[in-house]
Amino acid sequence: MIRPWHFAPLLAGAALAAGAYWWLAEKDLWQPPPARTPELPQLAPLPQPVRATVREALARPPLWASRRPVEADGKKGGMEQEINQSRLTAVFESGRQRIALLQRPDGSPLKLTSDTKPWRLESFDGRKALFVSEDGARRVERPLEAGSGAPKRARTAAGRP
């Protein structure tokens, strides 16, 4: 007597043989589908970058931490007015080198040395600093002002900050 499960291996073998025959007979007929080009939107060309002049590149090396915009030549008295409005908070001296620290009205620092341009620190007598323009025609004198120091914190009722 033939049992039905004896047919399962025979059917599996027949399926494998049919699949192998189909693979060998049809493998050369396959062709890749035609390539489809993507639809890209039309883009406007980028504008050309503005070239920096050599003077600007030398005045502002790209890797300096203290890079600042170049002063505009048409702005007469701009730096002089800024020095006049600033408070002289400290002057440091070491040998022939002097550094004056000023505080602008917005609270940002301004540092002028004996070598900075277009304005430089010419002299300091302990109470007043004299700043001179690059051409030597303009002079600004600023008195040394006492700094406000660190802001005081409010104390609690126990007397601890």
C-alpha atoms as a PDB file:
ATOM      1  CA  MET A   1       0.000   0.000   0.000  1.00  0.00           C
ATOM      2  CA  ILE A   2       1.323   3.353  -1.014  1.00  0.00           C
ATOM      3  CA  ARG A   3       1.034   6.064   1.557  1.00  0.00           C
ATOM      4  CA  PRO A   4       0.334   9.714   0.491  1.00  0.00           C
ATOM      5  CA  TRP A   5       3.470  11.067   2.188  1.00  0.00           C
ATOM      6  CA  HIS A   6       5.612   9.002  -0.139  1.00  0.00           C
ATOM      7  CA  PHE A   7       4.510  11.343  -2.948  1.00  0.00           C
ATOM      8  CA  ALA A   8       5.878  14.474  -1.197  1.00  0.00           C
ATOM      9  CA  PRO A   9       9.560  13.777  -1.981  1.00  0.00           C
ATOM     10  CA  LEU A  10       8.648  12.877  -5.550  1.00  0.00           C
ATOM     11  CA  LEU A  11       6.724  16.137  -6.016  1.00  0.00           C
ATOM     12  CA  ALA A  12       9.609  18.165  -4.487  1.00  0.00           C
ATOM     13  CA  GLY A  13      12.109  16.485  -6.811  1.00  0.00           C
ATOM     14  CA  ALA A  14       9.882  17.192  -9.837  1.00  0.00           C
ATOM     15  CA  ALA A  15       9.557  20.862  -8.815  1.00  0.00           C
ATOM     16  CA  LEU A  16      13.340  21.147  -8.470  1.00  0.00           C
ATOM     17  CA  ALA A  17      13.897  19.573 -11.862  1.00  0.00           C
ATOM     18  CA  ALA A  18      11.331  21.875 -13.523  1.00  0.00           C
ATOM     19  CA  GLY A  19      12.903  24.947 -11.890  1.00  0.00           C
ATOM     20  CA  ALA A  20      16.416  23.935 -12.978  1.00  0.00           C
ATOM     21  CA  TYR A  21      15.228  23.364 -16.535  1.00  0.00           C
ATOM     22  CA  TRP A  22      13.430  26.728 -16.619  1.00  0.00           C
ATOM     23  CA  TRP A  23      16.536  28.512 -15.198  1.00  0.00           C
ATOM     24  CA  LEU A  24      18.850  27.014 -17.796  1.00  0.00           C
ATOM     25  CA  ALA A  25      16.473  27.551 -20.711  1.00  0.00           C
ATOM     26  CA  GLU A  26      15.405  31.166 -19.942  1.00  0.00           C
ATOM     27  CA  LYS A  27      18.540  32.721 -18.380  1.00  0.00           C
ATOM     28  CA  ASP A  28      19.868  34.173 -21.658  1.00  0.00           C
ATOM     29  CA  LEU A  29      16.560  35.830 -22.543  1.00  0.00           C
ATOM     30  CA  TRP A  30      16.670  38.333 -19.625  1.00  0.00           C
ATOM     31  CA  GLN A  31      17.495  41.944 -20.467  1.00  0.00           C
ATOM     32  CA  PRO A  32      17.812  44.821 -18.025  1.00  0.00           C
ATOM     33  CA  PRO A  33      15.038  47.411 -18.078  1.00  0.00           C
ATOM     34  CA  PRO A  34      15.719  50.652 -19.963  1.00  0.00           C
ATOM     35  CA  ALA A  35      17.391  53.365 -17.910  1.00  0.00           C
ATOM     36  CA  ARG A  36      15.190  56.237 -16.787  1.00  0.00           C
ATOM     37  CA  THR A  37      16.754  59.639 -16.367  1.00  0.00           C
ATOM     38  CA  PRO A  38      15.561  61.640 -13.370  1.00  0.00           C
ATOM     39  CA  GLU A  39      13.627  64.828 -13.948  1.00  0.00           C
ATOM     40  CA  LEU A  40      15.720  67.610 -12.414  1.00  0.00           C
ATOM     41  CA  PRO A  41      14.481  71.173 -11.924  1.00  0.00           C
ATOM     42  CA  GLN A  42      16.236  73.973 -13.744  1.00  0.00           C
ATOM     43  CA  LEU A  43      18.581  75.877 -11.407  1.00  0.00           C
ATOM     44  CA  ALA A  44      19.897  79.380 -11.847  1.00  0.00           C
ATOM     45  CA  PRO A  45      23.696  79.633 -11.862  1.00  0.00           C
ATOM     46  CA  LEU A  46      25.319  80.850  -8.641  1.00  0.00           C
ATOM     47  CA  PRO A  47      26.683  84.401  -8.641  1.00  0.00           C
ATOM     48  CA  GLN A  48      30.434  84.790  -8.710  1.00  0.00           C
ATOM     49  CA  PRO A  49      31.943  85.416  -5.251  1.00  0.00           C
ATOM     50  CA  VAL A  50      33.317  88.869  -4.523  1.00  0.00           C
ATOM     51  CA  ARG A  51      37.083  88.831  -4.650  1.00  0.00           C
ATOM     52  CA  ALA A  52      38.907  90.307  -1.671  1.00  0.00           C
ATOM     53  CA  THR A  53      41.585  92.847  -2.372  1.00  0.00           C
ATOM     54  CA  VAL A  54      45.118  92.199  -1.218  1.00  0.00           C
ATOM     55  CA  ARG A  55      44.922  95.082   1.262  1.00  0.00           C
ATOM     56  CA  GLU A  56      41.866  93.564   2.927  1.00  0.00           C
ATOM     57  CA  ALA A  57      43.438  90.115   2.995  1.00  0.00           C
ATOM     58  CA  LEU A  58      46.566  91.439   4.690  1.00  0.00           C
ATOM     59  CA  ALA A  59      44.533  93.493   7.155  1.00  0.00           C
ATOM     60  CA  ARG A  60      42.316  90.527   8.108  1.00  0.00           C
ATOM     61  CA  PRO A  61      44.142  87.179   7.956  1.00  0.00           C
ATOM     62  CA  PRO A  62      41.483  84.455   7.924  1.00  0.00           C
ATOM     63  CA  LEU A  63      42.768  82.441  10.889  1.00  0.00           C
ATOM     64  CA  TRP A  64      43.073  85.262  13.436  1.00  0.00           C
ATOM     65  CA  ALA A  65      40.654  85.033  16.332  1.00  0.00           C
ATOM     66  CA  SER A  66      40.296  88.803  16.484  1.00  0.00           C
ATOM     67  CA  ARG A  67      39.087  89.349  12.924  1.00  0.00           C
ATOM     68  CA  ARG A  68      37.111  92.529  12.523  1.00  0.00           C
ATOM     69  CA  PRO A  69      35.631  94.284   9.517  1.00  0.00           C
ATOM     70  CA  VAL A  70      37.901  96.759   7.797  1.00  0.00           C
ATOM     71  CA  GLU A  71      37.145 100.367   8.683  1.00  0.00           C
ATOM     72  CA  ALA A  72      35.499 102.320   5.881  1.00  0.00           C
ATOM     73  CA  ASP A  73      37.712 105.117   4.546  1.00  0.00           C
ATOM     74  CA  GLY A  74      34.769 107.426   3.952  1.00  0.00           C
ATOM     75  CA  LYS A  75      33.839 107.400   7.640  1.00  0.00           C
ATOM     76  CA  LYS A  76      35.743 110.452   8.897  1.00  0.00           C
ATOM     77  CA  GLY A  77      36.201 110.740  12.625  1.00  0.00           C
ATOM     78  CA  GLY A  78      34.551 107.367  13.226  1.00  0.00           C
ATOM     79  CA  MET A  79      37.346 105.950  15.368  1.00  0.00           C
ATOM     80  CA  GLU A  80      37.969 109.326  16.994  1.00  0.00           C
ATOM     81  CA  GLN A  81      34.320 109.553  17.999  1.00  0.00           C
ATOM     82  CA  GLU A  82      34.426 105.978  19.283  1.00  0.00           C
ATOM     83  CA  ILE A  83      37.468 106.724  21.463  1.00  0.00           C
ATOM     84  CA  ASN A  84      35.820 109.893  22.785  1.00  0.00           C
ATOM     85  CA  GLN A  85      32.701 107.957  23.792  1.00  0.00           C
ATOM     86  CA  SER A  86      34.632 105.070  25.392  1.00  0.00           C
ATOM     87  CA  ARG A  87      35.826 104.821  29.002  1.00  0.00           C
ATOM     88  CA  LEU A  88      39.537 104.210  29.641  1.00  0.00           C
ATOM     89  CA  THR A  89      39.513 101.372  32.157  1.00  0.00           C
ATOM     90  CA  ALA A  90      43.160 100.192  32.260  1.00  0.00           C
ATOM     91  CA  VAL A  91      46.615 100.711  30.777  1.00  0.00           C
ATOM     92  CA  PHE A  92      49.231  97.972  30.930  1.00  0.00           C
ATOM     93  CA  GLU A  93      52.933  98.633  30.366  1.00  0.00           C
ATOM     94  CA  SER A  94      55.795  96.227  29.837  1.00  0.00           C
ATOM     95  CA  GLY A  95      59.036  97.789  28.684  1.00  0.00           C
ATOM     96  CA  ARG A  96      58.182  99.919  25.668  1.00  0.00           C
ATOM     97  CA  GLN A  97      54.902  98.146  24.982  1.00  0.00           C
ATOM     98  CA  ARG A  98      51.672  99.733  26.222  1.00  0.00           C
ATOM     99  CA  ILE A  99      48.134  98.442  25.942  1.00  0.00           C
ATOM    100  CA  ALA A 100      45.092 100.606  26.690  1.00  0.00           C
ATOM    101  CA  LEU A 101      41.779  98.927  27.403  1.00  0.00           C
ATOM    102  CA  LEU A 102      38.699 101.002  26.740  1.00  0.00           C
ATOM    103  CA  GLN A 103      35.055 100.112  27.222  1.00  0.00           C
ATOM    104  CA  ARG A 104      32.679 101.134  24.468  1.00  0.00           C
ATOM    105  CA  PRO A 105      29.211 102.486  25.349  1.00  0.00           C
ATOM    106  CA  ASP A 106      27.682  99.112  24.435  1.00  0.00           C
ATOM    107  CA  GLY A 107      30.012  97.375  26.908  1.00  0.00           C
ATOM    108  CA  SER A 108      32.331  95.718  24.395  1.00  0.00           C
ATOM    109  CA  PRO A 109      36.085  96.107  24.873  1.00  0.00           C
ATOM    110  CA  LEU A 110      38.394  98.172  22.675  1.00  0.00           C
ATOM    111  CA  LYS A 111      42.134  97.488  22.815  1.00  0.00           C
ATOM    112  CA  LEU A 112      44.660 100.003  21.502  1.00  0.00           C
ATOM    113  CA  THR A 113      48.409  99.530  21.701  1.00  0.00           C
ATOM    114  CA  SER A 114      51.401 101.626  20.809  1.00  0.00           C
ATOM    115  CA  ASP A 115      51.495  99.830  17.424  1.00  0.00           C
ATOM    116  CA  THR A 116      47.805  99.696  16.358  1.00  0.00           C
ATOM    117  CA  LYS A 117      46.516 101.526  13.316  1.00  0.00           C
ATOM    118  CA  PRO A 118      44.826 103.928  12.532  1.00  0.00           C
ATOM    119  CA  TRP A 119      44.944 105.069  16.176  1.00  0.00           C
ATOM    120  CA  ARG A 120      47.677 104.255  18.674  1.00  0.00           C
ATOM    121  CA  LEU A 121      48.472 104.935  22.311  1.00  0.00           C
ATOM    122  CA  GLU A 122      51.238 107.511  22.445  1.00  0.00           C
ATOM    123  CA  SER A 123      51.621 108.249  26.139  1.00  0.00           C
ATOM    124  CA  PHE A 124      50.193 107.553  29.572  1.00  0.00           C
ATOM    125  CA  ASP A 125      51.126 109.549  32.686  1.00  0.00           C
ATOM    126  CA  GLY A 126      49.187 107.518  35.240  1.00  0.00           C
ATOM    127  CA  ARG A 127      45.970 109.527  34.951  1.00  0.00           C
ATOM    128  CA  LYS A 128      45.528 110.392  31.275  1.00  0.00           C
ATOM    129  CA  ALA A 129      46.200 108.528  28.063  1.00  0.00           C
ATOM    130  CA  LEU A 130      46.968 110.267  24.791  1.00  0.00           C
ATOM    131  CA  PHE A 131      45.837 108.606  21.567  1.00  0.00           C
ATOM    132  CA  VAL A 132      47.189 109.814  18.213  1.00  0.00           C
ATOM    133  CA  SER A 133      45.911 109.135  14.695  1.00  0.00           C
ATOM    134  CA  GLU A 134      48.109 107.438  12.126  1.00  0.00           C
ATOM    135  CA  ASP A 135      48.950 110.685  10.355  1.00  0.00           C
ATOM    136  CA  GLY A 136      49.576 112.470  13.683  1.00  0.00           C
ATOM    137  CA  ALA A 137      47.120 115.276  12.898  1.00  0.00           C
ATOM    138  CA  ARG A 138      44.413 114.301  15.392  1.00  0.00           C
ATOM    139  CA  ARG A 139      44.830 113.659  19.118  1.00  0.00           C
ATOM    140  CA  VAL A 140      42.407 112.389  21.733  1.00  0.00           C
ATOM    141  CA  GLU A 141      43.063 112.517  25.464  1.00  0.00           C
ATOM    142  CA  ARG A 142      41.101 110.215  27.793  1.00  0.00           C
ATOM    143  CA  PRO A 143      41.270 110.204  31.613  1.00  0.00           C
ATOM    144  CA  LEU A 144      41.601 106.913  33.477  1.00  0.00           C
ATOM    145  CA  GLU A 145      38.227 106.057  35.004  1.00  0.00           C
ATOM    146  CA  ALA A 146      37.614 103.823  37.978  1.00  0.00           C
ATOM    147  CA  GLY A 147      36.030 100.563  36.909  1.00  0.00           C
ATOM    148  CA  SER A 148      32.714  99.498  38.308  1.00  0.00           C
ATOM    149  CA  GLY A 149      34.180  96.072  39.149  1.00  0.00           C
ATOM    150  CA  ALA A 150      32.137  92.914  39.336  1.00  0.00           C
ATOM    151  CA  PRO A 151      28.409  93.356  39.962  1.00  0.00           C
ATOM    152  CA  LYS A 152      27.504  92.883  43.611  1.00  0.00           C
ATOM    153  CA  ARG A 153      25.176  90.014  44.385  1.00  0.00           C
ATOM    154  CA  ALA A 154      22.243  90.454  46.686  1.00  0.00           C
ATOM    155  CA  ARG A 155      22.665  88.906  50.114  1.00  0.00           C
ATOM    156  CA  THR A 156      20.058  86.698  51.700  1.00  0.00           C
ATOM    157  CA  ALA A 157      18.657  87.215  55.181  1.00  0.00           C
ATOM    158  CA  ALA A 158      21.265  84.813  56.620  1.00  0.00           C
ATOM    159  CA  GLY A 159      24.079  86.982  55.221  1.00  0.00           C
ATOM    160  CA  ARG A 160      25.289  84.420  52.697  1.00  0.00           C
ATOM    161  CA  PRO A 161      25.305  85.068  48.935  1.00  0.00           C
END
